Amino acid sequence: MSQVRESIRVDVPVRTACNQWTQFETFPLFMDGVKRIEQVD
């Protein structure tokens, strides 16, 4: 079973956070190990 080891508070509206999180092409800008993402559909 997984455990949460860290958490952060993001002081933005939920809609803003969800919109940003679903822009997969930007993941390589802030996620180590992710080189490229291309959303097809």
Protein backbone atom coordinates (compact mmCIF):
# COMPACT_ATOMS: atom_id res chain seq x y z
CA MET A 1 0.00 0.00 0.00
CA SER A 2 1.31 3.53 -0.82
CA GLN A 3 1.83 6.24 1.74
CA VAL A 4 1.90 10.02 1.43
CA ARG A 5 5.35 11.16 2.51
CA GLU A 6 5.10 14.84 1.65
CA SER A 7 2.43 17.35 0.83
CA ILE A 8 2.38 20.94 -0.35
CA ARG A 9 -0.29 23.61 -0.26
CA VAL A 10 -1.02 25.29 -3.57
CA ASP A 11 -2.76 28.60 -3.08
CA VAL A 12 -4.82 28.65 -6.28
CA PRO A 13 -8.45 27.84 -7.03
CA VAL A 14 -9.16 24.15 -7.68
CA ARG A 15 -10.13 24.90 -11.29
CA THR A 16 -6.75 26.54 -11.94
CA ALA A 17 -4.85 23.61 -10.44
CA CYS A 18 -6.86 21.04 -12.43
CA ASN A 19 -6.42 22.96 -15.68
CA GLN A 20 -2.67 23.12 -15.18
CA TRP A 21 -2.39 19.46 -14.17
CA THR A 22 -4.16 18.31 -17.36
CA GLN A 23 -1.72 20.17 -19.65
CA PHE A 24 0.43 17.07 -20.05
CA GLU A 25 2.81 18.62 -22.59
CA THR A 26 4.21 20.89 -19.86
CA PHE A 27 5.21 17.97 -17.60
CA PRO A 28 8.81 17.83 -18.93
CA LEU A 29 9.30 21.40 -17.70
CA PHE A 30 8.93 20.39 -14.04
CA MET A 31 9.16 16.59 -13.83
CA ASP A 32 12.58 14.98 -13.81
CA GLY A 33 12.77 11.94 -16.04
CA VAL A 34 9.96 13.02 -18.37
CA LYS A 35 11.46 13.89 -21.74
CA ARG A 36 8.43 14.40 -23.96
CA ILE A 37 4.66 13.99 -23.89
CA GLU A 38 2.42 14.29 -26.88
CA GLN A 39 -1.31 14.29 -26.22
CA VAL A 40 -3.04 12.65 -29.16
CA ASP A 41 -6.69 12.80 -28.15
